[in-house]
Amino acid sequence: MDEAGLSYSMAGENLAMGQMSVFHAHWGLMNSKGHRENIMQPRFTHAAVGLAYNEEDSPFYTINFITPL
């Protein structure tokens, strides 16, 4: 976010690797105390999601949370 020049008052990120579907990735994040706290944080106003594959063709999911200035 800093490299992209985004200005924010609050930011967070969740990562999930190796799950073979979005459902399983989300289930895993929601069943992790710290990740769930990010997802449920009422002060975050925006979210962006991403999906990429590593060299072994395993999915890598991201959710970035931000509250702009």
PDB file of N, CA and C in Angstrom:
ATOM      1  N   MET A   1       0.824  -1.179   0.000  1.00  0.00           N
ATOM      2  CA  MET A   1       0.000   0.000   0.000  1.00  0.00           C
ATOM      3  C   MET A   1       0.869   1.244   0.000  1.00  0.00           C
ATOM      4  N   ASP A   2       1.942   1.183   0.795  1.00  0.00           N
ATOM      5  CA  ASP A   2       2.864   2.315   0.813  1.00  0.00           C
ATOM      6  C   ASP A   2       3.526   2.494  -0.556  1.00  0.00           C
ATOM      7  N   GLU A   3       3.969   1.379  -1.161  1.00  0.00           N
ATOM      8  CA  GLU A   3       4.619   1.447  -2.472  1.00  0.00           C
ATOM      9  C   GLU A   3       3.679   1.982  -3.542  1.00  0.00           C
ATOM     10  N   ALA A   4       2.376   1.730  -3.398  1.00  0.00           N
ATOM     11  CA  ALA A   4       1.385   2.222  -4.357  1.00  0.00           C
ATOM     12  C   ALA A   4       1.014   3.676  -4.100  1.00  0.00           C
ATOM     13  N   GLY A   5       1.542   4.253  -3.016  1.00  0.00           N
ATOM     14  CA  GLY A   5       1.263   5.647  -2.709  1.00  0.00           C
ATOM     15  C   GLY A   5      -0.099   5.883  -2.085  1.00  0.00           C
ATOM     16  N   LEU A   6      -0.684   4.856  -1.487  1.00  0.00           N
ATOM     17  CA  LEU A   6      -1.990   5.013  -0.839  1.00  0.00           C
ATOM     18  C   LEU A   6      -1.830   5.678   0.520  1.00  0.00           C
ATOM     19  N   SER A   7      -2.683   6.619   0.807  1.00  0.00           N
ATOM     20  CA  SER A   7      -2.702   7.278   2.114  1.00  0.00           C
ATOM     21  C   SER A   7      -3.816   6.644   2.938  1.00  0.00           C
ATOM     22  N   TYR A   8      -3.503   6.248   4.147  1.00  0.00           N
ATOM     23  CA  TYR A   8      -4.505   5.569   4.973  1.00  0.00           C
ATOM     24  C   TYR A   8      -4.271   5.862   6.443  1.00  0.00           C
ATOM     25  N   SER A   9      -5.341   5.730   7.201  1.00  0.00           N
ATOM     26  CA  SER A   9      -5.237   5.875   8.644  1.00  0.00           C
ATOM     27  C   SER A   9      -5.140   4.506   9.313  1.00  0.00           C
ATOM     28  N   MET A  10      -5.549   3.469   8.591  1.00  0.00           N
ATOM     29  CA  MET A  10      -5.548   2.119   9.148  1.00  0.00           C
ATOM     30  C   MET A  10      -5.481   1.133   7.988  1.00  0.00           C
ATOM     31  N   ALA A  11      -4.695   0.055   8.143  1.00  0.00           N
ATOM     32  CA  ALA A  11      -4.599  -0.957   7.088  1.00  0.00           C
ATOM     33  C   ALA A  11      -4.314  -2.318   7.704  1.00  0.00           C
ATOM     34  N   GLY A  12      -4.717  -3.362   6.996  1.00  0.00           N
ATOM     35  CA  GLY A  12      -4.465  -4.724   7.443  1.00  0.00           C
ATOM     36  C   GLY A  12      -4.481  -5.664   6.254  1.00  0.00           C
ATOM     37  N   GLU A  13      -4.039  -6.899   6.487  1.00  0.00           N
ATOM     38  CA  GLU A  13      -3.983  -7.872   5.400  1.00  0.00           C
ATOM     39  C   GLU A  13      -4.188  -9.274   5.953  1.00  0.00           C
ATOM     40  N   ASN A  14      -4.888 -10.098   5.212  1.00  0.00           N
ATOM     41  CA  ASN A  14      -5.022 -11.520   5.509  1.00  0.00           C
ATOM     42  C   ASN A  14      -4.498 -12.294   4.307  1.00  0.00           C
ATOM     43  N   LEU A  15      -3.778 -13.372   4.587  1.00  0.00           N
ATOM     44  CA  LEU A  15      -3.232 -14.242   3.547  1.00  0.00           C
ATOM     45  C   LEU A  15      -3.662 -15.672   3.819  1.00  0.00           C
ATOM     46  N   ALA A  16      -3.970 -16.401   2.769  1.00  0.00           N
ATOM     47  CA  ALA A  16      -4.279 -17.829   2.883  1.00  0.00           C
ATOM     48  C   ALA A  16      -3.579 -18.537   1.736  1.00  0.00           C
ATOM     49  N   MET A  17      -2.878 -19.620   2.055  1.00  0.00           N
ATOM     50  CA  MET A  17      -2.151 -20.362   1.027  1.00  0.00           C
ATOM     51  C   MET A  17      -2.553 -21.832   1.050  1.00  0.00           C
ATOM     52  N   GLY A  18      -2.603 -22.425  -0.134  1.00  0.00           N
ATOM     53  CA  GLY A  18      -2.751 -23.858  -0.247  1.00  0.00           C
ATOM     54  C   GLY A  18      -4.171 -24.393  -0.284  1.00  0.00           C
ATOM     55  N   GLN A  19      -5.148 -23.601   0.123  1.00  0.00           N
ATOM     56  CA  GLN A  19      -6.526 -24.070   0.046  1.00  0.00           C
ATOM     57  C   GLN A  19      -6.935 -24.134  -1.420  1.00  0.00           C
ATOM     58  N   MET A  20      -7.712 -25.139  -1.775  1.00  0.00           N
ATOM     59  CA  MET A  20      -8.027 -25.354  -3.184  1.00  0.00           C
ATOM     60  C   MET A  20      -9.299 -24.652  -3.653  1.00  0.00           C
ATOM     61  N   SER A  21      -9.913 -23.864  -2.779  1.00  0.00           N
ATOM     62  CA  SER A  21     -11.080 -23.083  -3.210  1.00  0.00           C
ATOM     63  C   SER A  21     -11.189 -21.836  -2.350  1.00  0.00           C
ATOM     64  N   VAL A  22     -11.903 -20.845  -2.863  1.00  0.00           N
ATOM     65  CA  VAL A  22     -12.152 -19.625  -2.106  1.00  0.00           C
ATOM     66  C   VAL A  22     -12.927 -19.962  -0.834  1.00  0.00           C
ATOM     67  N   PHE A  23     -13.879 -20.881  -0.932  1.00  0.00           N
ATOM     68  CA  PHE A  23     -14.658 -21.286   0.239  1.00  0.00           C
ATOM     69  C   PHE A  23     -13.741 -21.778   1.351  1.00  0.00           C
ATOM     70  N   HIS A  24     -12.820 -22.669   1.035  1.00  0.00           N
ATOM     71  CA  HIS A  24     -11.927 -23.213   2.062  1.00  0.00           C
ATOM     72  C   HIS A  24     -10.981 -22.148   2.612  1.00  0.00           C
ATOM     73  N   ALA A  25     -10.517 -21.252   1.752  1.00  0.00           N
ATOM     74  CA  ALA A  25      -9.655 -20.168   2.228  1.00  0.00           C
ATOM     75  C   ALA A  25     -10.413 -19.269   3.196  1.00  0.00           C
ATOM     76  N   HIS A  26     -11.633 -18.885   2.832  1.00  0.00           N
ATOM     77  CA  HIS A  26     -12.435 -18.026   3.708  1.00  0.00           C
ATOM     78  C   HIS A  26     -12.772 -18.749   5.012  1.00  0.00           C
ATOM     79  N   TRP A  27     -13.135 -20.010   4.927  1.00  0.00           N
ATOM     80  CA  TRP A  27     -13.448 -20.797   6.120  1.00  0.00           C
ATOM     81  C   TRP A  27     -12.247 -20.800   7.071  1.00  0.00           C
ATOM     82  N   GLY A  28     -11.064 -21.020   6.519  1.00  0.00           N
ATOM     83  CA  GLY A  28      -9.858 -21.023   7.343  1.00  0.00           C
ATOM     84  C   GLY A  28      -9.592 -19.671   7.988  1.00  0.00           C
ATOM     85  N   LEU A  29      -9.774 -18.593   7.233  1.00  0.00           N
ATOM     86  CA  LEU A  29      -9.548 -17.250   7.785  1.00  0.00           C
ATOM     87  C   LEU A  29     -10.562 -16.931   8.882  1.00  0.00           C
ATOM     88  N   MET A  30     -11.812 -17.297   8.662  1.00  0.00           N
ATOM     89  CA  MET A  30     -12.852 -17.006   9.659  1.00  0.00           C
ATOM     90  C   MET A  30     -12.688 -17.849  10.926  1.00  0.00           C
ATOM     91  N   ASN A  31     -11.970 -18.946  10.842  1.00  0.00           N
ATOM     92  CA  ASN A  31     -11.750 -19.798  12.008  1.00  0.00           C
ATOM     93  C   ASN A  31     -10.385 -19.563  12.647  1.00  0.00           C
ATOM     94  N   SER A  32      -9.752 -18.464  12.274  1.00  0.00           N
ATOM     95  CA  SER A  32      -8.499 -18.024  12.885  1.00  0.00           C
ATOM     96  C   SER A  32      -8.792 -16.709  13.605  1.00  0.00           C
ATOM     97  N   LYS A  33      -8.548 -16.666  14.909  1.00  0.00           N
ATOM     98  CA  LYS A  33      -8.917 -15.494  15.709  1.00  0.00           C
ATOM     99  C   LYS A  33      -8.388 -14.181  15.124  1.00  0.00           C
ATOM    100  N   GLY A  34      -7.112 -14.125  14.811  1.00  0.00           N
ATOM    101  CA  GLY A  34      -6.522 -12.888  14.296  1.00  0.00           C
ATOM    102  C   GLY A  34      -7.056 -12.493  12.935  1.00  0.00           C
ATOM    103  N   HIS A  35      -7.200 -13.464  12.034  1.00  0.00           N
ATOM    104  CA  HIS A  35      -7.728 -13.169  10.703  1.00  0.00           C
ATOM    105  C   HIS A  35      -9.188 -12.730  10.785  1.00  0.00           C
ATOM    106  N   ARG A  36      -9.953 -13.399  11.636  1.00  0.00           N
ATOM    107  CA  ARG A  36     -11.373 -13.040  11.795  1.00  0.00           C
ATOM    108  C   ARG A  36     -11.500 -11.613  12.335  1.00  0.00           C
ATOM    109  N   GLU A  37     -10.632 -11.245  13.278  1.00  0.00           N
ATOM    110  CA  GLU A  37     -10.667  -9.877  13.824  1.00  0.00           C
ATOM    111  C   GLU A  37     -10.431  -8.853  12.714  1.00  0.00           C
ATOM    112  N   ASN A  38      -9.506  -9.137  11.778  1.00  0.00           N
ATOM    113  CA  ASN A  38      -9.299  -8.228  10.643  1.00  0.00           C
ATOM    114  C   ASN A  38     -10.562  -8.127   9.799  1.00  0.00           C
ATOM    115  N   ILE A  39     -11.150  -9.277   9.460  1.00  0.00           N
ATOM    116  CA  ILE A  39     -12.336  -9.292   8.606  1.00  0.00           C
ATOM    117  C   ILE A  39     -13.489  -8.529   9.250  1.00  0.00           C
ATOM    118  N   MET A  40     -13.631  -8.670  10.548  1.00  0.00           N
ATOM    119  CA  MET A  40     -14.768  -8.079  11.254  1.00  0.00           C
ATOM    120  C   MET A  40     -14.485  -6.685  11.812  1.00  0.00           C
ATOM    121  N   GLN A  41     -13.297  -6.149  11.593  1.00  0.00           N
ATOM    122  CA  GLN A  41     -12.907  -4.834  12.126  1.00  0.00           C
ATOM    123  C   GLN A  41     -13.824  -3.746  11.553  1.00  0.00           C
ATOM    124  N   PRO A  42     -14.660  -3.138  12.378  1.00  0.00           N
ATOM    125  CA  PRO A  42     -15.612  -2.150  11.859  1.00  0.00           C
ATOM    126  C   PRO A  42     -14.969  -0.850  11.374  1.00  0.00           C
ATOM    127  N   ARG A  43     -13.725  -0.586  11.756  1.00  0.00           N
ATOM    128  CA  ARG A  43     -13.083   0.660  11.333  1.00  0.00           C
ATOM    129  C   ARG A  43     -12.488   0.574   9.929  1.00  0.00           C
ATOM    130  N   PHE A  44     -12.364  -0.640   9.355  1.00  0.00           N
ATOM    131  CA  PHE A  44     -11.939  -0.744   7.955  1.00  0.00           C
ATOM    132  C   PHE A  44     -13.117  -0.372   7.066  1.00  0.00           C
ATOM    133  N   THR A  45     -12.870   0.478   6.079  1.00  0.00           N
ATOM    134  CA  THR A  45     -13.957   0.923   5.197  1.00  0.00           C
ATOM    135  C   THR A  45     -13.870   0.341   3.791  1.00  0.00           C
ATOM    136  N   HIS A  46     -12.712  -0.202   3.405  1.00  0.00           N
ATOM    137  CA  HIS A  46     -12.522  -0.740   2.064  1.00  0.00           C
ATOM    138  C   HIS A  46     -11.760  -2.069   2.147  1.00  0.00           C
ATOM    139  N   ALA A  47     -12.009  -2.925   1.165  1.00  0.00           N
ATOM    140  CA  ALA A  47     -11.284  -4.186   1.066  1.00  0.00           C
ATOM    141  C   ALA A  47     -11.005  -4.501  -0.396  1.00  0.00           C
ATOM    142  N   ALA A  48      -9.881  -5.148  -0.645  1.00  0.00           N
ATOM    143  CA  ALA A  48      -9.532  -5.611  -1.989  1.00  0.00           C
ATOM    144  C   ALA A  48      -9.061  -7.048  -1.866  1.00  0.00           C
ATOM    145  N   VAL A  49      -9.461  -7.883  -2.793  1.00  0.00           N
ATOM    146  CA  VAL A  49      -9.078  -9.293  -2.752  1.00  0.00           C
ATOM    147  C   VAL A  49      -8.204  -9.626  -3.951  1.00  0.00           C
ATOM    148  N   GLY A  50      -7.375 -10.644  -3.785  1.00  0.00           N
ATOM    149  CA  GLY A  50      -6.511 -11.068  -4.878  1.00  0.00           C
ATOM    150  C   GLY A  50      -6.295 -12.565  -4.847  1.00  0.00           C
ATOM    151  N   LEU A  51      -5.934 -13.109  -5.992  1.00  0.00           N
ATOM    152  CA  LEU A  51      -5.623 -14.522  -6.140  1.00  0.00           C
ATOM    153  C   LEU A  51      -4.441 -14.651  -7.085  1.00  0.00           C
ATOM    154  N   ALA A  52      -3.452 -15.398  -6.662  1.00  0.00           N
ATOM    155  CA  ALA A  52      -2.290 -15.675  -7.507  1.00  0.00           C
ATOM    156  C   ALA A  52      -1.915 -17.138  -7.302  1.00  0.00           C
ATOM    157  N   TYR A  53      -1.070 -17.642  -8.171  1.00  0.00           N
ATOM    158  CA  TYR A  53      -0.597 -19.023  -8.058  1.00  0.00           C
ATOM    159  C   TYR A  53       0.913 -19.024  -7.961  1.00  0.00           C
ATOM    160  N   ASN A  54       1.453 -19.867  -7.073  1.00  0.00           N
ATOM    161  CA  ASN A  54       2.902 -19.962  -6.951  1.00  0.00           C
ATOM    162  C   ASN A  54       3.457 -20.931  -8.005  1.00  0.00           C
ATOM    163  N   GLU A  55       4.738 -21.212  -7.910  1.00  0.00           N
ATOM    164  CA  GLU A  55       5.405 -22.065  -8.901  1.00  0.00           C
ATOM    165  C   GLU A  55       4.831 -23.479  -8.950  1.00  0.00           C
ATOM    166  N   GLU A  56       4.283 -23.947  -7.846  1.00  0.00           N
ATOM    167  CA  GLU A  56       3.702 -25.294  -7.791  1.00  0.00           C
ATOM    168  C   GLU A  56       2.231 -25.288  -8.187  1.00  0.00           C
ATOM    169  N   ASP A  57       1.729 -24.167  -8.691  1.00  0.00           N
ATOM    170  CA  ASP A  57       0.332 -24.005  -9.091  1.00  0.00           C
ATOM    171  C   ASP A  57      -0.631 -24.071  -7.908  1.00  0.00           C
ATOM    172  N   SER A  58      -0.146 -23.721  -6.737  1.00  0.00           N
ATOM    173  CA  SER A  58      -0.973 -23.680  -5.529  1.00  0.00           C
ATOM    174  C   SER A  58      -1.527 -22.267  -5.359  1.00  0.00           C
ATOM    175  N   PRO A  59      -2.823 -22.129  -5.049  1.00  0.00           N
ATOM    176  CA  PRO A  59      -3.409 -20.791  -4.932  1.00  0.00           C
ATOM    177  C   PRO A  59      -2.946 -20.038  -3.685  1.00  0.00           C
ATOM    178  N   PHE A  60      -2.865 -18.739  -3.815  1.00  0.00           N
ATOM    179  CA  PHE A  60      -2.456 -17.820  -2.760  1.00  0.00           C
ATOM    180  C   PHE A  60      -3.498 -16.710  -2.745  1.00  0.00           C
ATOM    181  N   TYR A  61      -4.279 -16.615  -1.668  1.00  0.00           N
ATOM    182  CA  TYR A  61      -5.369 -15.648  -1.565  1.00  0.00           C
ATOM    183  C   TYR A  61      -4.960 -14.500  -0.649  1.00  0.00           C
ATOM    184  N   THR A  62      -5.357 -13.284  -0.998  1.00  0.00           N
ATOM    185  CA  THR A  62      -5.102 -12.130  -0.138  1.00  0.00           C
ATOM    186  C   THR A  62      -6.375 -11.295   0.014  1.00  0.00           C
ATOM    187  N   ILE A  63      -6.490 -10.689   1.171  1.00  0.00           N
ATOM    188  CA  ILE A  63      -7.513  -9.659   1.402  1.00  0.00           C
ATOM    189  C   ILE A  63      -6.780  -8.496   2.056  1.00  0.00           C
ATOM    190  N   ASN A  64      -6.826  -7.338   1.435  1.00  0.00           N
ATOM    191  CA  ASN A  64      -6.242  -6.130   2.006  1.00  0.00           C
ATOM    192  C   ASN A  64      -7.361  -5.220   2.486  1.00  0.00           C
ATOM    193  N   PHE A  65      -7.212  -4.749   3.704  1.00  0.00           N
ATOM    194  CA  PHE A  65      -8.210  -3.862   4.319  1.00  0.00           C
ATOM    195  C   PHE A  65      -7.583  -2.489   4.486  1.00  0.00           C
ATOM    196  N   ILE A  66      -8.362  -1.440   4.255  1.00  0.00           N
ATOM    197  CA  ILE A  66      -7.820  -0.090   4.377  1.00  0.00           C
ATOM    198  C   ILE A  66      -8.921   0.897   4.769  1.00  0.00           C
ATOM    199  N   THR A  67      -8.505   1.885   5.513  1.00  0.00           N
ATOM    200  CA  THR A  67      -9.353   3.043   5.795  1.00  0.00           C
ATOM    201  C   THR A  67      -8.559   4.255   5.303  1.00  0.00           C
ATOM    202  N   PRO A  68      -8.960   4.838   4.173  1.00  0.00           N
ATOM    203  CA  PRO A  68      -8.220   5.984   3.628  1.00  0.00           C
ATOM    204  C   PRO A  68      -8.264   7.179   4.572  1.00  0.00           C
ATOM    205  N   LEU A  69      -7.314   8.077   4.389  1.00  0.00           N
ATOM    206  CA  LEU A  69      -7.319   9.332   5.154  1.00  0.00           C
ATOM    207  C   LEU A  69      -8.477  10.200   4.746  1.00  0.00           C
TER     208      LEU A  69
END
